[in-house]
């Protein structure tokens, strides 16, 4: 359920558009957010800021836009190995040289990875055309596995994107291709240097794959992490309680977000929400780009 404390405000700080792996264009996402009664929405496409301008142009009166991105990072997992973690980065300067370089590298690697995975599936007899798939994506798109999943749905191989991941595209599958994500400490420092803040997304969503331990989150907080996404559709009540306590102990800003992807997921925009006080705390620590108000 959305949580809010002032005048029914609903603040969703984690959404995706068709610029990455959502199905709504940035304009449609903004329209959807307004129709759902949100007061604030963050656009956090994967490893890109390419949707910011379109979203800003579509902003109606009464809706505020937080410009952000979701960064794919590699982190120690606290058990002697590594794990993939996602950082939600907000209100940073997208022209900072380190960010431009790293996002360009990530987009190029994502495209190469996607093409290789599609070729592997085609070679195994599945109705996927790797070149056709890539031709249908914008050159600056951070192409990823969800695009291949959508192609499998379209071809009738699976019924849903979730089924495509469960059967074919998970990290243990024979079609998997690894990628080189940003080291999490590098990402935290890079965003801070660009005037932004970082929030660790769906940290204990165990069904997604290996997660980090609480000790790793403590270390990330000491390294400059600003917040922790507690209220997320992939966190049950016990997990939320554990993360909320951890956020309090570490003085991390507690957020809640839907992780909306349009029709790629059954999650409603605004299904989870961040309190106005938490948003104000995040914004107070930024100097990159301002919140945009419709």
Protein backbone atom coordinates (compact mmCIF):
# COMPACT_ATOMS: atom_id res chain seq x y z
CA UNK A 1 0.00 0.00 0.00
CA UNK A 2 1.26 3.52 -0.67
CA UNK A 3 2.49 5.26 2.45
CA UNK A 4 2.27 9.02 2.84
CA UNK A 5 1.97 11.52 5.63
CA UNK A 6 0.86 14.81 4.14
CA UNK A 7 -2.42 15.45 2.30
CA UNK A 8 -2.49 12.04 0.62
CA UNK A 9 0.75 12.65 -1.28
CA UNK A 10 1.95 9.63 -3.26
CA UNK A 11 5.65 9.73 -4.16
CA UNK A 12 7.02 6.93 -6.36
CA UNK A 13 10.81 7.02 -6.71
CA UNK A 14 11.43 4.01 -8.99
CA UNK A 15 9.87 3.73 -12.45
CA UNK A 16 11.02 2.68 -15.92
CA UNK A 17 10.06 3.83 -19.40
CA UNK A 18 10.56 2.38 -22.87
CA UNK A 19 13.92 4.15 -22.95
CA UNK A 20 15.13 1.14 -20.97
CA UNK A 21 12.94 -1.88 -20.19
CA UNK A 22 9.50 -0.43 -19.54
CA UNK A 23 6.62 -0.34 -22.02
CA UNK A 24 5.44 3.27 -21.49
CA UNK A 25 7.22 6.05 -23.31
CA UNK A 26 8.45 8.77 -20.95
CA UNK A 27 5.42 10.84 -21.96
CA UNK A 28 3.05 7.97 -21.29
CA UNK A 29 4.70 7.28 -17.95
CA UNK A 30 4.18 10.88 -16.86
CA UNK A 31 0.56 10.73 -18.02
CA UNK A 32 0.05 7.49 -16.10
CA UNK A 33 1.59 8.96 -12.96
CA UNK A 34 -0.66 12.02 -13.13
CA UNK A 35 -3.77 9.92 -13.76
CA UNK A 36 -2.91 7.73 -10.76
CA UNK A 37 -2.82 10.79 -8.52
CA UNK A 38 0.90 10.87 -7.83
CA UNK A 39 2.41 14.07 -6.51
CA UNK A 40 6.00 13.10 -7.41
CA UNK A 41 7.48 10.51 -9.73
CA UNK A 42 11.11 9.58 -10.40
CA UNK A 43 12.16 8.34 -13.82
CA UNK A 44 14.94 5.81 -13.18
CA UNK A 45 15.70 4.01 -16.43
CA UNK A 46 18.57 1.56 -16.41
CA UNK A 47 21.97 3.20 -16.92
CA UNK A 48 20.64 6.09 -19.01
CA UNK A 49 19.21 9.59 -18.71
CA UNK A 50 17.93 9.63 -22.29
CA UNK A 51 14.28 9.88 -21.21
CA UNK A 52 14.69 12.94 -18.99
CA UNK A 53 13.93 15.62 -21.59
CA UNK A 54 10.77 13.95 -22.89
CA UNK A 55 9.46 13.32 -19.38
CA UNK A 56 10.12 16.94 -18.40
CA UNK A 57 8.31 18.24 -21.48
CA UNK A 58 5.24 16.15 -20.63
CA UNK A 59 5.04 17.25 -16.99
CA UNK A 60 1.53 18.52 -16.11
CA UNK A 61 0.57 20.93 -13.37
CA UNK A 62 0.53 19.31 -9.96
CA UNK A 63 3.14 16.63 -10.67
CA UNK A 64 6.84 16.88 -9.79
CA UNK A 65 9.61 14.97 -11.56
CA UNK A 66 12.74 13.55 -9.96
CA UNK A 67 15.29 12.83 -12.66
CA UNK A 68 17.31 9.72 -11.95
CA UNK A 69 18.65 6.38 -13.16
CA UNK A 70 19.03 2.84 -11.89
CA UNK A 71 22.66 1.78 -11.97
CA UNK A 72 23.70 -1.87 -12.25
CA UNK A 73 26.64 -2.50 -9.93
CA UNK A 74 28.79 -5.32 -8.65
CA UNK A 75 29.36 -5.58 -4.92
CA UNK A 76 30.89 -7.88 -2.34
CA UNK A 77 28.04 -10.03 -1.06
CA UNK A 78 29.31 -10.38 2.50
CA UNK A 79 29.81 -14.14 2.12
CA UNK A 80 33.15 -14.15 0.30
CA UNK A 81 31.68 -13.67 -3.16
CA UNK A 82 30.02 -10.99 -5.24
CA UNK A 83 26.46 -9.98 -6.09
CA UNK A 84 24.74 -7.64 -8.49
CA UNK A 85 23.13 -4.68 -6.74
CA UNK A 86 21.12 -1.81 -8.15
CA UNK A 87 21.59 1.78 -7.07
CA UNK A 88 18.87 4.35 -7.61
CA UNK A 89 20.68 7.60 -8.35
CA UNK A 90 18.77 10.88 -8.11
CA UNK A 91 19.24 14.49 -9.18
CA UNK A 92 22.82 14.15 -10.42
CA UNK A 93 24.43 16.17 -13.19
CA UNK A 94 24.19 13.93 -16.27
CA UNK A 95 26.97 15.83 -18.03
CA UNK A 96 29.61 14.91 -15.45
CA UNK A 97 32.42 13.30 -17.49
CA UNK A 98 32.66 10.18 -15.32
CA UNK A 99 28.93 9.53 -15.67
CA UNK A 100 28.90 10.11 -19.43
CA UNK A 101 31.80 7.70 -19.90
CA UNK A 102 30.44 4.98 -17.64
CA UNK A 103 26.90 5.08 -19.04
CA UNK A 104 28.27 4.92 -22.57
CA UNK A 105 30.37 1.88 -21.67
CA UNK A 106 27.45 0.14 -20.01
CA UNK A 107 25.10 0.75 -22.93
CA UNK A 108 27.64 -0.65 -25.39
CA UNK A 109 28.24 -3.74 -23.25
CA UNK A 110 24.50 -4.31 -22.76
CA UNK A 111 23.91 -4.19 -26.51
CA UNK A 112 26.74 -6.63 -27.23
CA UNK A 113 25.49 -8.95 -24.52
CA UNK A 114 21.90 -8.89 -25.76
CA UNK A 115 22.95 -9.61 -29.33
CA UNK A 116 25.08 -12.56 -28.23
CA UNK A 117 22.27 -14.04 -26.10
CA UNK A 118 19.78 -13.69 -28.96
CA UNK A 119 22.22 -15.38 -31.34
CA UNK A 120 22.64 -18.27 -28.92
CA UNK A 121 18.88 -18.74 -28.74
CA UNK A 122 18.50 -18.55 -32.52
CA UNK A 123 21.25 -21.14 -32.96
CA UNK A 124 19.31 -23.39 -30.61
CA UNK A 125 16.24 -23.18 -32.81
CA UNK A 126 14.19 -20.50 -31.08
CA UNK A 127 12.36 -17.96 -33.32
CA UNK A 128 14.57 -15.00 -32.46
CA UNK A 129 16.38 -12.84 -35.01
CA UNK A 130 19.27 -11.15 -33.21
CA UNK A 131 19.88 -8.50 -35.89
CA UNK A 132 16.17 -7.67 -36.15
CA UNK A 133 15.94 -7.38 -32.38
CA UNK A 134 18.84 -4.93 -32.21
CA UNK A 135 17.57 -2.92 -35.21
CA UNK A 136 14.34 -2.26 -33.34
CA UNK A 137 16.11 -0.60 -30.41
CA UNK A 138 17.32 3.03 -30.36
CA UNK A 139 21.09 3.33 -30.60
CA UNK A 140 21.31 5.00 -27.17
CA UNK A 141 19.02 2.42 -25.55
CA UNK A 142 20.49 0.41 -22.65
CA UNK A 143 19.36 -2.81 -24.25
CA UNK A 144 18.97 -5.76 -21.93
CA UNK A 145 17.42 -9.13 -21.24
CA UNK A 146 13.88 -7.70 -20.90
CA UNK A 147 13.97 -6.81 -24.60
CA UNK A 148 14.80 -10.41 -25.46
CA UNK A 149 12.09 -11.55 -23.07
CA UNK A 150 9.54 -9.36 -24.85
CA UNK A 151 10.65 -10.83 -28.19
CA UNK A 152 10.05 -14.32 -26.80
CA UNK A 153 6.58 -13.30 -25.65
CA UNK A 154 5.82 -11.83 -29.08
CA UNK A 155 7.02 -15.04 -30.76
CA UNK A 156 4.77 -17.13 -28.53
CA UNK A 157 7.64 -19.00 -26.90
CA UNK A 158 6.49 -17.87 -23.43
CA UNK A 159 3.42 -16.14 -22.07
CA UNK A 160 5.09 -13.48 -19.92
CA UNK A 161 8.37 -11.67 -19.38
CA UNK A 162 8.67 -13.33 -15.97
CA UNK A 163 8.34 -16.75 -17.59
CA UNK A 164 11.07 -15.87 -20.10
CA UNK A 165 13.45 -15.05 -17.26
CA UNK A 166 12.52 -18.12 -15.24
CA UNK A 167 12.95 -20.53 -18.14
CA UNK A 168 15.57 -19.00 -20.43
CA UNK A 169 17.21 -15.76 -19.30
CA UNK A 170 18.26 -16.25 -15.69
CA UNK A 171 21.92 -16.15 -14.72
CA UNK A 172 22.10 -19.94 -14.43
CA UNK A 173 20.69 -20.63 -17.90
CA UNK A 174 22.66 -21.84 -20.90
CA UNK A 175 21.95 -18.64 -22.84
CA UNK A 176 23.37 -16.37 -20.15
CA UNK A 177 26.19 -13.96 -21.02
CA UNK A 178 27.97 -12.11 -18.21
CA UNK A 179 28.58 -8.39 -18.19
CA UNK A 180 30.96 -6.01 -16.39
CA UNK A 181 28.91 -3.78 -14.10
CA UNK A 182 30.12 -0.68 -12.27
CA UNK A 183 31.78 -1.39 -8.91
CA UNK A 184 29.29 -0.18 -6.32
CA UNK A 185 31.78 2.03 -4.48
CA UNK A 186 32.74 3.69 -7.76
CA UNK A 187 29.07 4.35 -8.51
CA UNK A 188 28.35 5.88 -5.10
CA UNK A 189 31.36 8.19 -5.42
CA UNK A 190 30.58 9.06 -9.05
CA UNK A 191 27.01 10.12 -8.27
CA UNK A 192 28.04 12.06 -5.16
CA UNK A 193 30.68 13.94 -7.15
CA UNK A 194 27.95 14.84 -9.67
CA UNK A 195 25.76 16.32 -6.94
CA UNK A 196 23.38 13.38 -6.59
CA UNK A 197 22.34 10.85 -3.99
CA UNK A 198 22.12 7.06 -4.07
CA UNK A 199 19.56 4.62 -2.65
CA UNK A 200 20.08 0.86 -2.62
CA UNK A 201 17.17 -0.73 -4.50
CA UNK A 202 15.30 -3.93 -3.47
CA UNK A 203 18.29 -5.04 -1.43
CA UNK A 204 16.72 -8.20 0.00
CA UNK A 205 14.66 -9.33 -3.00
CA UNK A 206 16.02 -12.85 -2.63
CA UNK A 207 14.04 -14.41 -5.48
CA UNK A 208 15.93 -12.20 -7.96
CA UNK A 209 19.21 -13.94 -7.16
CA UNK A 210 22.03 -13.67 -4.61
CA UNK A 211 21.72 -10.66 -2.31
CA UNK A 212 24.12 -8.81 -0.04
CA UNK A 213 24.20 -9.11 3.73
CA UNK A 214 23.33 -6.42 6.24
CA UNK A 215 27.06 -5.99 6.93
CA UNK A 216 27.59 -4.99 3.29
CA UNK A 217 24.85 -2.38 3.55
CA UNK A 218 26.53 -1.01 6.68
CA UNK A 219 29.78 -0.71 4.74
CA UNK A 220 28.02 1.02 1.84
CA UNK A 221 26.44 3.48 4.26
CA UNK A 222 29.89 4.31 5.57
CA UNK A 223 31.02 4.81 1.95
CA UNK A 224 28.33 7.42 1.26
CA UNK A 225 25.11 5.55 0.42
CA UNK A 226 22.20 7.88 1.17
CA UNK A 227 19.14 5.66 1.43
CA UNK A 228 17.57 2.23 1.44
CA UNK A 229 14.52 1.15 -0.57
CA UNK A 230 12.48 -0.59 2.12
CA UNK A 231 8.94 -0.71 0.72
CA UNK A 232 9.15 -2.58 -2.58
CA UNK A 233 6.82 -5.15 -4.17
CA UNK A 234 9.51 -7.84 -3.88
CA UNK A 235 9.88 -7.37 -0.11
CA UNK A 236 7.50 -9.18 2.24
CA UNK A 237 6.50 -7.71 5.61
CA UNK A 238 9.28 -9.42 7.54
CA UNK A 239 11.88 -8.18 5.06
CA UNK A 240 10.51 -4.64 5.23
CA UNK A 241 10.72 -4.69 9.01
CA UNK A 242 14.32 -5.90 8.86
CA UNK A 243 15.32 -3.24 6.32
CA UNK A 244 13.46 -0.49 8.16
CA UNK A 245 15.37 -1.29 11.33
CA UNK A 246 18.63 -1.34 9.40
CA UNK A 247 17.85 2.00 7.77
CA UNK A 248 17.13 3.51 11.17
CA UNK A 249 20.29 2.15 12.73
CA UNK A 250 22.44 3.42 9.85
CA UNK A 251 20.60 6.73 9.46
CA UNK A 252 19.77 5.91 5.87
CA UNK A 253 16.76 7.56 4.26
CA UNK A 254 13.91 5.04 3.98
CA UNK A 255 12.12 5.01 0.63
CA UNK A 256 9.28 3.11 -0.99
CA UNK A 257 8.78 2.60 -4.71
CA UNK A 258 6.77 0.54 -7.17
CA UNK A 259 9.52 -0.35 -9.67
CA UNK A 260 6.88 0.24 -12.34
CA UNK A 261 7.61 -1.20 -15.81
CA UNK A 262 4.29 -0.70 -17.58
CA UNK A 263 2.78 -3.92 -18.90
CA UNK A 264 6.03 -5.84 -18.41
CA UNK A 265 5.02 -6.28 -14.76
CA UNK A 266 1.71 -6.36 -12.91
CA UNK A 267 2.84 -3.64 -10.49
CA UNK A 268 0.79 -0.44 -10.40
CA UNK A 269 2.55 2.91 -10.46
CA UNK A 270 2.39 4.37 -6.98
CA UNK A 271 1.76 0.93 -5.46
CA UNK A 272 4.49 1.76 -2.95
CA UNK A 273 5.36 5.27 -1.86
CA UNK A 274 8.00 7.38 -0.12
CA UNK A 275 7.08 9.81 2.64
CA UNK A 276 7.35 13.55 1.87
CA UNK A 277 9.81 13.89 4.74
CA UNK A 278 12.11 11.24 3.25
CA UNK A 279 11.96 12.88 -0.16
CA UNK A 280 12.78 16.25 1.36
CA UNK A 281 15.80 14.73 3.08
CA UNK A 282 17.07 13.23 -0.17
CA UNK A 283 16.59 16.48 -2.10
CA UNK A 284 18.34 18.50 0.62
CA UNK A 285 21.53 16.54 0.00
CA UNK A 286 21.69 17.18 -3.78
CA UNK A 287 23.24 19.88 -5.93
CA UNK A 288 23.22 18.32 -9.39
CA UNK A 289 19.90 19.11 -11.06
CA UNK A 290 16.71 20.42 -9.41
CA UNK A 291 13.35 18.78 -8.92
CA UNK A 292 11.04 19.81 -11.76
CA UNK A 293 7.55 20.99 -10.83
CA UNK A 294 4.62 20.95 -13.21
